[in-house]
Amino acid sequence: MTSHASGFSASAKSIDGSSHLLLEMAGLLYQGRPDGELSVTARVPRSHQEVSEEIYSFAHFTNDQFLDTVSLLAALSTKLKTNSVAYAETEAGVQGSLNDILADSHFVRPEDR
């Protein structure tokens, strides 16, 4: 099941594969999540109070961005998976309609019309 339009193509297998890749990327990214201990080692008394506060603020911000990225990749994977199923159902419906036309029609020569 592949369709082409203006140089682009789509297939259920390709869409499904892309959804698996996005989910795998989200999983690998989550496994390599930032280490919270790094920001703890820069706290007072090991560093100045202002430095400690800035590092904590930065670590908190980057953790939020990290979790947003992982969530976005997982959500995009889910959306692609849903679209892959819808694409396959649409393709099957179009194929069924075409099969009906071919099975229920008969050839009429042009001179007999």
N, C-alpha and C. Protein backbone atom coordinates (compact mmCIF):
# COMPACT_ATOMS: atom_id res chain seq x y z
N MET A 1 0.83 -1.17 0.00
CA MET A 1 0.00 0.00 0.00
C MET A 1 0.87 1.24 0.00
N THR A 2 1.07 1.80 -1.16
CA THR A 2 1.88 3.00 -1.30
C THR A 2 1.15 3.97 -2.20
N SER A 3 1.22 5.25 -1.86
CA SER A 3 0.64 6.25 -2.73
C SER A 3 1.68 7.32 -3.00
N HIS A 4 1.57 7.95 -4.17
CA HIS A 4 2.51 8.98 -4.58
C HIS A 4 1.75 10.23 -4.97
N ALA A 5 2.29 11.39 -4.62
CA ALA A 5 1.71 12.66 -5.02
C ALA A 5 2.80 13.71 -5.04
N SER A 6 3.01 14.34 -6.16
CA SER A 6 3.97 15.44 -6.30
C SER A 6 5.35 15.10 -5.76
N GLY A 7 5.85 13.93 -6.04
CA GLY A 7 7.19 13.56 -5.61
C GLY A 7 7.26 12.99 -4.20
N PHE A 8 6.17 12.98 -3.48
CA PHE A 8 6.14 12.41 -2.13
C PHE A 8 5.47 11.05 -2.19
N SER A 9 5.83 10.19 -1.27
CA SER A 9 5.18 8.90 -1.21
C SER A 9 4.92 8.52 0.24
N ALA A 10 3.95 7.66 0.43
CA ALA A 10 3.61 7.20 1.77
C ALA A 10 3.25 5.73 1.70
N SER A 11 3.63 5.03 2.73
CA SER A 11 3.23 3.63 2.85
C SER A 11 3.01 3.34 4.33
N ALA A 12 2.08 2.46 4.59
CA ALA A 12 1.77 2.13 5.99
C ALA A 12 3.00 1.58 6.70
N LYS A 13 3.80 0.80 6.00
CA LYS A 13 5.01 0.21 6.60
C LYS A 13 6.00 1.31 6.98
N SER A 14 6.17 2.31 6.12
CA SER A 14 7.09 3.41 6.39
C SER A 14 6.61 4.25 7.56
N ILE A 15 5.30 4.56 7.58
CA ILE A 15 4.74 5.36 8.67
C ILE A 15 4.87 4.61 9.99
N ASP A 16 4.58 3.33 9.96
CA ASP A 16 4.67 2.51 11.17
C ASP A 16 6.12 2.43 11.66
N GLY A 17 7.04 2.27 10.73
CA GLY A 17 8.46 2.23 11.09
C GLY A 17 8.93 3.53 11.71
N SER A 18 8.45 4.64 11.17
CA SER A 18 8.81 5.94 11.72
C SER A 18 8.28 6.11 13.14
N SER A 19 7.08 5.60 13.39
CA SER A 19 6.53 5.71 14.74
C SER A 19 7.35 4.90 15.74
N HIS A 20 7.84 3.74 15.29
CA HIS A 20 8.70 2.93 16.17
C HIS A 20 10.03 3.63 16.44
N LEU A 21 10.58 4.30 15.42
CA LEU A 21 11.83 5.02 15.61
C LEU A 21 11.68 6.17 16.60
N LEU A 22 10.58 6.91 16.49
CA LEU A 22 10.34 8.01 17.44
C LEU A 22 10.22 7.50 18.87
N LEU A 23 9.52 6.40 19.04
CA LEU A 23 9.37 5.84 20.38
C LEU A 23 10.71 5.31 20.91
N GLU A 24 11.51 4.73 20.04
CA GLU A 24 12.83 4.26 20.44
C GLU A 24 13.72 5.44 20.84
N MET A 25 13.64 6.54 20.07
CA MET A 25 14.42 7.73 20.41
C MET A 25 14.01 8.28 21.77
N ALA A 26 12.70 8.31 22.04
CA ALA A 26 12.22 8.79 23.34
C ALA A 26 12.75 7.90 24.47
N GLY A 27 12.73 6.60 24.26
CA GLY A 27 13.23 5.67 25.27
C GLY A 27 14.72 5.82 25.52
N LEU A 28 15.50 5.94 24.45
CA LEU A 28 16.94 6.11 24.60
C LEU A 28 17.27 7.44 25.27
N LEU A 29 16.54 8.47 24.88
CA LEU A 29 16.75 9.79 25.49
C LEU A 29 16.43 9.74 26.97
N TYR A 30 15.36 9.06 27.32
CA TYR A 30 14.98 8.97 28.73
C TYR A 30 16.00 8.17 29.54
N GLN A 31 16.54 7.11 28.93
CA GLN A 31 17.57 6.32 29.63
C GLN A 31 18.82 7.15 29.91
N GLY A 32 19.12 8.09 29.04
CA GLY A 32 20.30 8.94 29.22
C GLY A 32 19.96 10.26 29.87
N ARG A 33 18.91 10.28 30.66
CA ARG A 33 18.44 11.52 31.29
C ARG A 33 19.54 12.18 32.11
N PRO A 34 19.42 13.49 32.28
CA PRO A 34 20.43 14.23 33.04
C PRO A 34 20.55 13.71 34.48
N ASP A 35 21.75 13.73 34.96
CA ASP A 35 22.03 13.26 36.32
C ASP A 35 21.76 14.37 37.32
N GLY A 36 20.83 14.15 38.22
CA GLY A 36 20.48 15.16 39.22
C GLY A 36 21.60 15.42 40.21
N GLU A 37 22.51 14.46 40.37
CA GLU A 37 23.62 14.63 41.32
C GLU A 37 24.58 15.73 40.89
N LEU A 38 24.66 16.00 39.59
CA LEU A 38 25.59 17.03 39.12
C LEU A 38 25.23 18.40 39.67
N SER A 39 23.94 18.69 39.75
CA SER A 39 23.54 19.99 40.29
C SER A 39 23.67 20.03 41.80
N VAL A 40 23.58 18.88 42.46
CA VAL A 40 23.71 18.82 43.92
C VAL A 40 25.15 19.11 44.34
N THR A 41 26.11 18.67 43.54
CA THR A 41 27.51 18.87 43.91
C THR A 41 27.93 20.33 43.85
N ALA A 42 27.14 21.17 43.20
CA ALA A 42 27.48 22.60 43.09
C ALA A 42 26.74 23.45 44.12
N ARG A 43 26.15 22.82 45.11
CA ARG A 43 25.42 23.58 46.13
C ARG A 43 26.37 24.12 47.20
N VAL A 44 25.81 25.03 47.98
CA VAL A 44 26.55 25.59 49.11
C VAL A 44 26.86 24.44 50.07
N PRO A 45 27.97 24.26 50.61
CA PRO A 45 29.12 25.14 50.74
C PRO A 45 30.19 24.92 49.66
N ARG A 46 29.94 24.05 48.69
CA ARG A 46 30.93 23.78 47.65
C ARG A 46 31.07 24.93 46.67
N SER A 47 30.04 25.76 46.56
CA SER A 47 30.10 26.91 45.66
C SER A 47 29.41 28.09 46.32
N HIS A 48 29.55 29.23 45.71
CA HIS A 48 28.93 30.45 46.22
C HIS A 48 27.41 30.32 46.15
N GLN A 49 26.68 31.01 47.01
CA GLN A 49 25.22 30.94 47.08
C GLN A 49 24.57 31.30 45.74
N GLU A 50 25.03 32.37 45.10
CA GLU A 50 24.44 32.79 43.83
C GLU A 50 24.69 31.76 42.73
N VAL A 51 25.88 31.19 42.72
CA VAL A 51 26.20 30.15 41.73
C VAL A 51 25.30 28.94 41.97
N SER A 52 25.14 28.56 43.21
CA SER A 52 24.29 27.43 43.56
C SER A 52 22.86 27.65 43.10
N GLU A 53 22.33 28.85 43.33
CA GLU A 53 20.95 29.15 42.92
C GLU A 53 20.80 29.12 41.40
N GLU A 54 21.78 29.66 40.69
CA GLU A 54 21.71 29.66 39.22
C GLU A 54 21.81 28.24 38.66
N ILE A 55 22.66 27.43 39.24
CA ILE A 55 22.79 26.05 38.77
C ILE A 55 21.49 25.29 39.04
N TYR A 56 20.90 25.51 40.21
CA TYR A 56 19.62 24.86 40.52
C TYR A 56 18.54 25.30 39.54
N SER A 57 18.48 26.60 39.26
CA SER A 57 17.49 27.12 38.31
C SER A 57 17.69 26.53 36.93
N PHE A 58 18.95 26.47 36.49
CA PHE A 58 19.25 25.90 35.18
C PHE A 58 18.91 24.42 35.12
N ALA A 59 19.26 23.68 36.17
CA ALA A 59 18.98 22.24 36.20
C ALA A 59 17.47 21.99 36.17
N HIS A 60 16.71 22.81 36.89
CA HIS A 60 15.26 22.67 36.91
C HIS A 60 14.68 22.94 35.52
N PHE A 61 15.17 24.01 34.87
CA PHE A 61 14.70 24.36 33.53
C PHE A 61 15.04 23.26 32.52
N THR A 62 16.29 22.78 32.55
CA THR A 62 16.68 21.76 31.57
C THR A 62 15.93 20.46 31.79
N ASN A 63 15.63 20.13 33.03
CA ASN A 63 14.86 18.91 33.30
C ASN A 63 13.46 19.04 32.72
N ASP A 64 12.84 20.22 32.86
CA ASP A 64 11.52 20.44 32.26
C ASP A 64 11.58 20.31 30.74
N GLN A 65 12.61 20.89 30.12
CA GLN A 65 12.76 20.81 28.67
C GLN A 65 12.99 19.37 28.23
N PHE A 66 13.79 18.65 29.00
CA PHE A 66 14.08 17.25 28.71
C PHE A 66 12.80 16.42 28.74
N LEU A 67 12.02 16.58 29.81
CA LEU A 67 10.78 15.81 29.93
C LEU A 67 9.79 16.19 28.84
N ASP A 68 9.75 17.48 28.46
CA ASP A 68 8.88 17.91 27.37
C ASP A 68 9.29 17.25 26.06
N THR A 69 10.58 17.15 25.81
CA THR A 69 11.08 16.53 24.57
C THR A 69 10.73 15.05 24.52
N VAL A 70 10.94 14.35 25.61
CA VAL A 70 10.61 12.92 25.66
C VAL A 70 9.11 12.73 25.45
N SER A 71 8.30 13.56 26.11
CA SER A 71 6.84 13.46 25.96
C SER A 71 6.41 13.76 24.53
N LEU A 72 7.02 14.76 23.92
CA LEU A 72 6.68 15.12 22.55
C LEU A 72 7.00 13.99 21.58
N LEU A 73 8.17 13.38 21.73
CA LEU A 73 8.53 12.26 20.86
C LEU A 73 7.57 11.08 21.03
N ALA A 74 7.20 10.79 22.26
CA ALA A 74 6.25 9.70 22.51
C ALA A 74 4.88 10.03 21.93
N ALA A 75 4.44 11.28 22.06
CA ALA A 75 3.14 11.69 21.51
C ALA A 75 3.15 11.64 19.99
N LEU A 76 4.24 12.09 19.37
CA LEU A 76 4.34 12.02 17.91
C LEU A 76 4.34 10.58 17.43
N SER A 77 4.98 9.70 18.17
CA SER A 77 4.98 8.28 17.83
C SER A 77 3.57 7.73 17.85
N THR A 78 2.82 8.07 18.89
CA THR A 78 1.44 7.60 19.00
C THR A 78 0.59 8.14 17.86
N LYS A 79 0.78 9.41 17.52
CA LYS A 79 0.01 10.01 16.42
C LYS A 79 0.35 9.34 15.09
N LEU A 80 1.63 9.07 14.86
CA LEU A 80 2.02 8.38 13.62
C LEU A 80 1.44 6.98 13.56
N LYS A 81 1.44 6.28 14.69
CA LYS A 81 0.87 4.93 14.73
C LYS A 81 -0.61 4.97 14.38
N THR A 82 -1.33 5.94 14.95
CA THR A 82 -2.76 6.10 14.66
C THR A 82 -2.97 6.41 13.18
N ASN A 83 -2.13 7.29 12.63
CA ASN A 83 -2.25 7.63 11.21
C ASN A 83 -1.91 6.44 10.32
N SER A 84 -0.99 5.61 10.75
CA SER A 84 -0.64 4.42 9.98
C SER A 84 -1.83 3.48 9.89
N VAL A 85 -2.53 3.29 11.00
CA VAL A 85 -3.72 2.44 11.01
C VAL A 85 -4.81 3.04 10.12
N ALA A 86 -5.03 4.36 10.24
CA ALA A 86 -6.05 5.02 9.42
C ALA A 86 -5.68 4.94 7.93
N TYR A 87 -4.41 5.10 7.62
CA TYR A 87 -3.96 5.01 6.23
C TYR A 87 -4.22 3.61 5.67
N ALA A 88 -3.89 2.60 6.46
CA ALA A 88 -4.10 1.22 6.01
C ALA A 88 -5.59 0.93 5.81
N GLU A 89 -6.43 1.44 6.71
CA GLU A 89 -7.87 1.23 6.57
C GLU A 89 -8.41 1.94 5.32
N THR A 90 -7.93 3.15 5.07
CA THR A 90 -8.35 3.88 3.87
C THR A 90 -7.91 3.16 2.61
N GLU A 91 -6.65 2.72 2.61
CA GLU A 91 -6.14 1.98 1.45
C GLU A 91 -6.94 0.70 1.22
N ALA A 92 -7.28 0.00 2.29
CA ALA A 92 -8.07 -1.23 2.17
C ALA A 92 -9.46 -0.92 1.63
N GLY A 93 -10.05 0.20 2.08
CA GLY A 93 -11.37 0.60 1.59
C GLY A 93 -11.34 0.94 0.11
N VAL A 94 -10.32 1.68 -0.31
CA VAL A 94 -10.18 2.03 -1.73
C VAL A 94 -9.94 0.77 -2.55
N GLN A 95 -9.10 -0.12 -2.05
CA GLN A 95 -8.83 -1.38 -2.76
C GLN A 95 -10.10 -2.21 -2.87
N GLY A 96 -10.91 -2.25 -1.81
CA GLY A 96 -12.17 -2.99 -1.84
C GLY A 96 -13.13 -2.41 -2.86
N SER A 97 -13.21 -1.08 -2.93
CA SER A 97 -14.07 -0.43 -3.92
C SER A 97 -13.62 -0.74 -5.33
N LEU A 98 -12.32 -0.70 -5.55
CA LEU A 98 -11.79 -1.01 -6.86
C LEU A 98 -12.06 -2.47 -7.22
N ASN A 99 -11.90 -3.36 -6.27
CA ASN A 99 -12.20 -4.78 -6.52
C ASN A 99 -13.68 -4.98 -6.86
N ASP A 100 -14.57 -4.25 -6.17
CA ASP A 100 -16.00 -4.33 -6.48
C ASP A 100 -16.29 -3.88 -7.90
N ILE A 101 -15.65 -2.78 -8.29
CA ILE A 101 -15.85 -2.28 -9.66
C ILE A 101 -15.38 -3.32 -10.68
N LEU A 102 -14.22 -3.89 -10.43
CA LEU A 102 -13.68 -4.87 -11.36
C LEU A 102 -14.50 -6.16 -11.39
N ALA A 103 -15.01 -6.57 -10.24
CA ALA A 103 -15.77 -7.82 -10.18
C ALA A 103 -17.18 -7.66 -10.74
N ASP A 104 -17.81 -6.50 -10.56
CA ASP A 104 -19.20 -6.31 -10.96
C ASP A 104 -19.37 -5.63 -12.31
N SER A 105 -18.31 -5.33 -12.98
CA SER A 105 -18.46 -4.65 -14.27
C SER A 105 -18.13 -5.61 -15.41
N HIS A 106 -18.51 -5.22 -16.59
CA HIS A 106 -18.17 -6.02 -17.75
C HIS A 106 -17.76 -5.09 -18.89
N PHE A 107 -16.97 -5.61 -19.78
CA PHE A 107 -16.43 -4.81 -20.86
C PHE A 107 -17.45 -4.64 -21.98
N VAL A 108 -17.61 -3.41 -22.40
CA VAL A 108 -18.50 -3.10 -23.53
C VAL A 108 -17.62 -2.44 -24.59
N ARG A 109 -17.59 -3.04 -25.76
CA ARG A 109 -16.77 -2.51 -26.81
C ARG A 109 -17.31 -1.15 -27.22
N PRO A 110 -16.43 -0.23 -27.64
CA PRO A 110 -16.88 1.12 -28.00
C PRO A 110 -17.94 1.14 -29.09
N GLU A 111 -17.84 0.27 -30.06
CA GLU A 111 -18.83 0.28 -31.14
C GLU A 111 -20.20 -0.26 -30.71
N ASP A 112 -20.24 -0.94 -29.57
CA ASP A 112 -21.50 -1.46 -29.05
C ASP A 112 -22.18 -0.50 -28.07
N ARG A 113 -21.61 0.65 -27.84
CA ARG A 113 -22.19 1.60 -26.88
C ARG A 113 -23.25 2.44 -27.50
